[in-house]
Amino acid sequence: MHVGLICPYSLSIAGGVQAQVMGMARNLRRKGVDAKVLAPCDGRPAESWVFPLGKSVPYAQNGSLAPVAPDPAAQLRILAAIRDERFDVLHIHEPLVPGPSLTALVMQSVPMVGTFHVSGEVKAYRWLKPAAKRLARRLALSVAVSDEAAAMAKRSLDIECEILFNAVELQDLPLKTHVGKPHRVFFVGRHEPRKGLSVLLEAFSALPKEFELRIAGQGPETEKLKNEYRDLRNIVWLGAIEEAEKAQELADAEIFVAPSLGGESFGIVLLEAMAAGVKLVVSDLEAYASVTNGQECAALFSTGDSVSLQNALLAAVENPDKAQQRVDNGRARVSEFSMDRLTEAYIDCYQRAISLANN
């Protein structure tokens, strides 16, 4: 089977959708499927089976800035790649995002499987609802990564989605290495309001000096927050990091914090933290609580409440037995989200899509 996976976001910039696309492609290829990725790239592609479609520009979506490639040159490249490769099926991630995903959907040259990642309200879907609904129906099969994403697709596009949760490549994660003090806390994400970094920093400023905070990522709030908390000596600003560095930071951390304020449909980094054996402290968003089975695998704090977050961080080190039970629960739960299992489910989707097109 020859499969083309289309990612609308630049592979040169870390993101949950990008990680899912690349992880899926690697696992498909291990299983003998001829899988190739077509996506924007702002640098040299990491793998020979990636077709770079050009550089990205920031696009406002769901309270964030997504690195997309809506320019004509990128659309000509995706059309040429689809024509030359003669894929048996296309797997389009975020099918209605401007750029290669939307272009492939409009052309509808081969059977298509679409995966919807976003939750919340997508203004473009509301503004273009009649046209978006017609385009979405071109998909042979529609998949959503969570109940929230499925609800968005139903509400905005009037389509029913199968739910296949995101996954992690368990075999690629490093072994846990953190021991003793300081109590190392790790955050990774874009430095923008919806990711809640300002809430975390406010909470952290009241914690004892035995805590150390390591912050990965960058964004529009970076310099402002660096300046505001410049007097705190137990904070390390790591800047943008690669996937391998993120995995090592998780292995070295005692606690991982996800203080997002909203707009999350799943939270793949929560699974990565659970697999790494890290204590998890996360905001009580519905999507996060679904991944962690409520308080079973993580300490949930009131979204946007820095005092609640501070108390959860203190409890994670002051009540080690309870925290360790959550870690153990998390390790058991993450096995349900292996990339190998997800890949098998998508192979079935591809075969069904091809069968539907031939009938």
Protein backbone atom coordinates (compact mmCIF):
# COMPACT_ATOMS: atom_id res chain seq x y z
CA MET A 1 0.00 0.00 0.00
CA HIS A 2 1.28 3.47 -0.95
CA VAL A 3 0.11 6.11 1.57
CA GLY A 4 0.63 9.86 1.57
CA LEU A 5 0.31 11.59 4.95
CA ILE A 6 -0.37 15.30 4.61
CA CYS A 7 0.46 17.62 7.49
CA PRO A 8 -0.60 21.29 7.17
CA TYR A 9 1.96 22.50 9.74
CA SER A 10 5.70 22.94 9.35
CA LEU A 11 7.70 19.91 10.47
CA SER A 12 10.51 22.25 11.49
CA ILE A 13 8.39 23.57 14.37
CA ALA A 14 7.46 21.29 17.26
CA GLY A 15 3.78 20.50 17.59
CA GLY A 16 1.39 17.71 18.48
CA VAL A 17 0.02 17.19 14.97
CA GLN A 18 3.52 17.13 13.47
CA ALA A 19 4.66 14.54 16.04
CA GLN A 20 1.64 12.33 15.29
CA VAL A 21 2.21 12.47 11.53
CA MET A 22 5.91 11.62 11.77
CA GLY A 23 5.36 8.89 14.36
CA MET A 24 2.62 7.35 12.25
CA ALA A 25 4.80 7.40 9.13
CA ARG A 26 7.71 5.73 10.93
CA ASN A 27 5.47 2.96 12.23
CA LEU A 28 3.74 2.44 8.90
CA ARG A 29 7.12 2.01 7.24
CA ARG A 30 8.21 -0.49 9.91
CA LYS A 31 5.12 -2.50 9.02
CA GLY A 32 5.99 -2.56 5.32
CA VAL A 33 3.65 0.24 4.20
CA ASP A 34 5.22 2.66 1.70
CA ALA A 35 4.34 5.82 3.64
CA LYS A 36 5.53 9.32 2.74
CA VAL A 37 4.89 12.66 4.45
CA LEU A 38 4.02 15.83 2.54
CA ALA A 39 4.34 18.97 4.66
CA PRO A 40 5.83 22.45 4.91
CA CYS A 41 9.43 22.53 6.15
CA ASP A 42 11.40 25.59 7.24
CA GLY A 43 14.64 23.63 7.18
CA ARG A 44 16.08 20.40 5.87
CA PRO A 45 13.64 17.45 6.21
CA ALA A 46 14.56 15.00 8.96
CA GLU A 47 13.82 11.95 6.80
CA SER A 48 14.33 11.05 3.14
CA TRP A 49 10.65 10.10 2.82
CA VAL A 50 9.45 13.64 3.63
CA PHE A 51 8.40 15.86 0.70
CA PRO A 52 9.09 19.50 1.74
CA LEU A 53 6.40 21.81 0.38
CA GLY A 54 7.98 25.14 1.25
CA LYS A 55 8.30 27.49 4.18
CA SER A 56 5.51 28.37 6.57
CA VAL A 57 3.85 31.54 7.78
CA PRO A 58 1.98 31.99 11.10
CA TYR A 59 -1.78 31.54 10.94
CA ALA A 60 -4.10 32.43 13.83
CA GLN A 61 -6.11 29.37 14.87
CA ASN A 62 -7.85 28.34 18.09
CA GLY A 63 -6.04 30.96 20.19
CA SER A 64 -2.63 30.05 18.78
CA LEU A 65 -0.39 30.68 15.77
CA ALA A 66 -0.02 27.67 13.49
CA PRO A 67 2.86 27.43 10.94
CA VAL A 68 1.03 26.81 7.65
CA ALA A 69 1.91 27.15 3.95
CA PRO A 70 -1.02 28.68 2.03
CA ASP A 71 1.13 30.16 -0.76
CA PRO A 72 0.61 29.07 -4.40
CA ALA A 73 4.07 27.47 -4.65
CA ALA A 74 3.26 25.03 -1.84
CA GLN A 75 -0.04 24.10 -3.49
CA LEU A 76 1.69 23.39 -6.80
CA ARG A 77 4.20 21.16 -4.99
CA ILE A 78 1.50 19.12 -3.22
CA LEU A 79 -0.41 18.66 -6.48
CA ALA A 80 2.75 17.56 -8.28
CA ALA A 81 3.66 15.11 -5.51
CA ILE A 82 0.18 13.56 -5.52
CA ARG A 83 0.28 13.26 -9.32
CA ASP A 84 3.77 11.74 -9.44
CA GLU A 85 3.46 9.38 -6.48
CA ARG A 86 0.09 7.87 -7.42
CA PHE A 87 -0.84 7.16 -3.82
CA ASP A 88 -3.40 4.47 -3.05
CA VAL A 89 -4.81 6.64 -0.26
CA LEU A 90 -4.17 10.06 1.28
CA HIS A 91 -4.30 10.58 5.03
CA ILE A 92 -5.05 14.28 5.50
CA HIS A 93 -4.52 15.80 8.93
CA GLU A 94 -6.70 18.84 9.69
CA PRO A 95 -8.33 18.64 6.22
CA LEU A 96 -9.75 22.17 6.24
CA VAL A 97 -6.64 24.07 7.32
CA PRO A 98 -5.53 26.44 4.52
CA GLY A 99 -2.61 25.03 2.56
CA PRO A 100 -1.69 21.51 1.41
CA SER A 101 -4.42 19.75 3.43
CA LEU A 102 -7.23 21.84 1.99
CA THR A 103 -5.76 21.71 -1.52
CA ALA A 104 -5.62 17.90 -1.47
CA LEU A 105 -9.21 17.77 -0.21
CA VAL A 106 -10.43 20.10 -2.97
CA MET A 107 -8.73 18.02 -5.68
CA GLN A 108 -10.07 14.67 -4.35
CA SER A 109 -7.86 12.64 -6.69
CA VAL A 110 -7.61 9.45 -4.58
CA PRO A 111 -9.45 7.93 -1.58
CA MET A 112 -8.96 10.13 1.49
CA VAL A 113 -8.98 9.61 5.26
CA GLY A 114 -9.19 12.80 7.31
CA THR A 115 -8.11 13.29 10.92
CA PHE A 116 -9.49 16.21 12.92
CA HIS A 117 -7.31 17.34 15.85
CA VAL A 118 -8.72 20.70 16.84
CA SER A 119 -11.44 21.29 19.43
CA GLY A 120 -13.27 24.39 20.57
CA GLU A 121 -14.51 26.95 18.07
CA VAL A 122 -12.91 27.33 14.62
CA LYS A 123 -14.07 30.63 13.15
CA ALA A 124 -13.27 29.63 9.56
CA TYR A 125 -15.57 26.60 9.88
CA ARG A 126 -18.41 28.86 11.04
CA TRP A 127 -17.86 31.50 8.36
CA LEU A 128 -17.51 28.98 5.54
CA LYS A 129 -19.89 26.36 6.91
CA PRO A 130 -21.82 25.46 3.72
CA ALA A 131 -18.64 25.07 1.64
CA ALA A 132 -16.73 23.42 4.51
CA LYS A 133 -19.53 20.86 4.99
CA ARG A 134 -19.46 19.95 1.29
CA LEU A 135 -15.68 19.56 1.31
CA ALA A 136 -15.68 17.45 4.48
CA ARG A 137 -18.05 14.98 2.82
CA ARG A 138 -15.36 14.23 0.24
CA LEU A 139 -13.51 12.22 2.88
CA ALA A 140 -14.10 8.49 2.62
CA LEU A 141 -13.58 8.23 6.39
CA SER A 142 -13.43 10.93 9.06
CA VAL A 143 -11.50 10.41 12.29
CA ALA A 144 -11.15 12.60 15.40
CA VAL A 145 -8.45 12.37 18.07
CA SER A 146 -10.83 12.94 20.98
CA ASP A 147 -14.47 13.30 21.97
CA GLU A 148 -13.98 17.08 21.95
CA ALA A 149 -12.58 17.08 18.40
CA ALA A 150 -15.40 14.79 17.25
CA ALA A 151 -17.98 17.13 18.78
CA MET A 152 -16.41 20.09 16.96
CA ALA A 153 -16.60 18.23 13.63
CA LYS A 154 -20.22 17.29 14.24
CA ARG A 155 -21.21 20.78 15.35
CA SER A 156 -19.33 22.70 12.65
CA LEU A 157 -19.28 20.30 9.70
CA ASP A 158 -22.22 17.99 10.41
CA ILE A 159 -20.08 14.86 9.99
CA GLU A 160 -19.68 11.80 12.20
CA CYS A 161 -16.13 10.85 13.16
CA GLU A 162 -14.64 7.63 14.40
CA ILE A 163 -12.47 8.32 17.43
CA LEU A 164 -8.85 7.17 17.39
CA PHE A 165 -6.89 8.73 20.23
CA ASN A 166 -3.39 10.08 19.65
CA ALA A 167 -0.46 7.84 20.54
CA VAL A 168 3.19 7.79 21.57
CA GLU A 169 6.18 5.83 20.34
CA LEU A 170 6.94 4.02 23.57
CA GLN A 171 10.09 2.31 22.34
CA ASP A 172 11.81 5.66 21.71
CA LEU A 173 11.47 7.11 25.22
CA PRO A 174 14.57 7.30 27.47
CA LEU A 175 14.69 5.72 30.91
CA LYS A 176 13.86 7.80 33.98
CA THR A 177 16.95 9.41 35.52
CA HIS A 178 15.74 12.00 38.07
CA VAL A 179 16.56 11.38 41.72
CA GLY A 180 16.46 13.61 44.82
CA LYS A 181 16.42 17.40 44.99
CA PRO A 182 15.94 19.91 43.55
CA HIS A 183 12.34 19.09 42.71
CA ARG A 184 12.67 19.61 38.97
CA VAL A 185 9.50 20.84 37.24
CA PHE A 186 9.28 20.83 33.45
CA PHE A 187 7.04 22.82 31.10
CA VAL A 188 7.03 22.69 27.31
CA GLY A 189 4.74 24.60 24.99
CA ARG A 190 4.31 27.77 23.01
CA HIS A 191 4.59 30.86 25.20
CA GLU A 192 1.15 32.29 24.52
CA PRO A 193 -1.80 33.00 26.82
CA ARG A 194 -3.78 29.78 26.25
CA LYS A 195 -0.86 27.56 27.33
CA GLY A 196 -0.98 29.06 30.83
CA LEU A 197 2.74 29.67 31.38
CA SER A 198 2.01 32.92 33.21
CA VAL A 199 -0.18 30.98 35.68
CA LEU A 200 2.65 28.50 36.26
CA LEU A 201 5.21 31.25 36.85
CA GLU A 202 2.91 33.01 39.31
CA ALA A 203 2.48 29.74 41.21
CA PHE A 204 6.19 28.96 41.07
CA SER A 205 7.22 32.34 42.48
CA ALA A 206 5.64 31.33 45.81
CA LEU A 207 7.29 27.89 46.03
CA PRO A 208 10.36 27.16 48.19
CA LYS A 209 13.84 27.26 46.64
CA GLU A 210 14.00 23.45 46.58
CA PHE A 211 11.94 23.62 43.37
CA GLU A 212 13.54 24.23 39.97
CA LEU A 213 11.52 25.12 36.87
CA ARG A 214 12.78 24.32 33.36
CA ILE A 215 10.82 26.03 30.58
CA ALA A 216 11.03 24.87 26.96
CA GLY A 217 9.54 26.60 23.96
CA GLN A 218 9.12 30.20 22.90
CA GLY A 219 6.43 32.55 21.69
CA PRO A 220 4.95 36.04 21.93
CA GLU A 221 5.02 36.07 25.75
CA THR A 222 8.62 34.88 26.18
CA GLU A 223 10.43 38.19 26.67
CA LYS A 224 7.65 39.72 28.76
CA LEU A 225 7.61 36.77 31.16
CA LYS A 226 11.41 36.55 31.29
CA ASN A 227 11.54 40.19 32.31
CA GLU A 228 8.68 39.90 34.81
CA TYR A 229 10.30 36.93 36.61
CA ARG A 230 13.96 37.85 36.07
CA ASP A 231 14.66 37.85 39.83
CA LEU A 232 13.76 34.17 40.24
CA ARG A 233 17.06 32.24 40.21
CA ASN A 234 15.58 28.74 40.09
CA ILE A 235 14.17 29.07 36.56
CA VAL A 236 15.96 27.82 33.44
CA TRP A 237 14.73 29.07 30.05
CA LEU A 238 15.64 26.38 27.51
CA GLY A 239 14.24 27.98 24.36
CA ALA A 240 13.03 25.82 21.47
CA ILE A 241 14.09 22.18 21.82
CA GLU A 242 14.04 19.12 19.57
CA GLU A 243 11.92 16.03 20.24
CA ALA A 244 14.92 14.07 21.56
CA GLU A 245 15.74 16.90 23.98
CA LYS A 246 12.14 17.00 25.16
CA ALA A 247 12.21 13.27 25.85
CA GLN A 248 15.39 13.68 27.88
CA GLU A 249 13.96 16.61 29.84
CA LEU A 250 10.97 14.45 30.75
CA ALA A 251 13.31 11.69 31.88
CA ASP A 252 15.23 14.15 34.05
CA ALA A 253 12.15 15.82 35.56
CA GLU A 254 10.26 14.94 38.72
CA ILE A 255 7.08 16.79 37.75
CA PHE A 256 5.58 17.77 34.42
CA VAL A 257 3.07 20.64 34.41
CA ALA A 258 0.45 21.35 31.75
CA PRO A 259 -1.31 24.58 32.85
CA SER A 260 -3.28 25.22 29.64
CA LEU A 261 -6.33 27.45 29.88
CA GLY A 262 -8.35 25.89 27.04
CA GLY A 263 -8.40 24.95 23.38
CA GLU A 264 -6.92 21.48 23.96
CA SER A 265 -8.45 18.45 22.26
CA PHE A 266 -6.14 15.79 23.69
CA GLY A 267 -2.65 16.44 25.09
CA ILE A 268 -0.09 14.06 23.60
CA VAL A 269 2.65 15.39 25.87
CA LEU A 270 0.68 14.07 28.85
CA LEU A 271 1.07 10.56 27.46
CA GLU A 272 4.78 11.16 26.94
CA ALA A 273 5.13 12.29 30.54
CA MET A 274 3.16 9.29 31.80
CA ALA A 275 5.37 6.93 29.79
CA ALA A 276 8.47 8.62 31.21
CA GLY A 277 7.30 8.02 34.79
CA VAL A 278 6.93 11.70 35.66
CA LYS A 279 4.52 13.07 38.25
CA LEU A 280 1.80 14.87 36.35
CA VAL A 281 0.16 18.16 37.44
CA VAL A 282 -2.37 19.46 34.90
CA SER A 283 -5.25 21.89 34.64
CA ASP A 284 -8.67 20.29 34.95
CA LEU A 285 -9.67 20.71 31.30
CA GLU A 286 -12.07 18.06 30.03
CA ALA A 287 -9.58 16.88 27.40
CA TYR A 288 -6.77 16.50 29.94
CA ALA A 289 -8.99 14.75 32.47
CA SER A 290 -10.00 12.28 29.76
CA VAL A 291 -6.35 11.37 29.05
CA THR A 292 -5.46 11.00 32.74
CA ASN A 293 -8.69 9.32 33.87
CA GLY A 294 -9.37 12.24 36.14
CA GLN A 295 -7.20 12.17 39.25
CA GLU A 296 -6.16 8.56 38.64
CA CYS A 297 -2.98 9.39 36.72
CA ALA A 298 -2.46 13.08 37.51
CA ALA A 299 -3.09 15.80 40.05
CA LEU A 300 -5.69 18.15 38.57
CA PHE A 301 -5.83 21.78 39.62
CA SER A 302 -8.43 24.47 38.88
CA THR A 303 -7.72 25.89 35.44
CA GLY A 304 -6.16 29.35 35.60
CA ASP A 305 -5.83 29.29 39.41
CA SER A 306 -2.19 29.81 40.43
CA VAL A 307 -2.87 29.03 44.11
CA SER A 308 -4.51 25.73 43.20
CA LEU A 309 -1.52 24.93 40.98
CA GLN A 310 0.92 25.85 43.75
CA ASN A 311 -0.87 23.53 46.19
CA ALA A 312 -0.84 20.69 43.65
CA LEU A 313 2.92 21.07 43.14
CA LEU A 314 3.56 21.02 46.88
CA ALA A 315 1.34 17.97 47.33
CA ALA A 316 3.27 16.13 44.60
CA VAL A 317 6.42 16.19 46.76
CA GLU A 318 4.85 16.19 50.23
CA ASN A 319 2.69 13.13 49.56
CA PRO A 320 5.08 10.90 47.57
CA ASP A 321 3.09 7.67 48.04
CA LYS A 322 -0.04 9.11 46.43
CA ALA A 323 2.03 10.74 43.69
CA GLN A 324 3.83 7.46 42.97
CA GLN A 325 0.52 5.62 42.71
CA ARG A 326 -0.53 8.08 40.03
CA VAL A 327 2.77 7.53 38.23
CA ASP A 328 2.22 3.77 38.30
CA ASN A 329 -1.33 4.21 37.05
CA GLY A 330 -0.05 6.43 34.26
CA ARG A 331 2.51 3.90 33.11
CA ALA A 332 -0.20 1.25 32.90
CA ARG A 333 -2.62 3.54 31.07
CA VAL A 334 -0.14 4.77 28.45
CA SER A 335 0.18 1.25 27.04
CA GLU A 336 -3.36 1.75 25.70
CA PHE A 337 -2.01 4.59 23.53
CA SER A 338 0.91 2.93 21.73
CA MET A 339 1.69 4.15 18.23
CA ASP A 340 1.89 0.54 17.09
CA ARG A 341 -1.75 -0.02 18.06
CA LEU A 342 -2.86 3.25 16.46
CA THR A 343 -1.01 2.43 13.24
CA GLU A 344 -2.86 -0.87 12.92
CA ALA A 345 -6.17 0.96 13.36
CA TYR A 346 -5.29 3.43 10.61
CA ILE A 347 -4.19 0.67 8.23
CA ASP A 348 -7.72 -0.69 8.62
CA CYS A 349 -9.09 2.80 7.84
CA TYR A 350 -6.97 3.02 4.69
CA GLN A 351 -8.17 -0.37 3.47
CA ARG A 352 -11.80 0.57 4.10
CA ALA A 353 -11.36 3.89 2.29
CA ILE A 354 -9.89 2.15 -0.75
CA SER A 355 -12.68 -0.44 -0.70
CA LEU A 356 -15.37 2.27 -0.56
CA ALA A 357 -13.80 4.04 -3.54
CA ASN A 358 -13.78 0.83 -5.58
CA ASN A 359 -17.45 0.02 -4.94
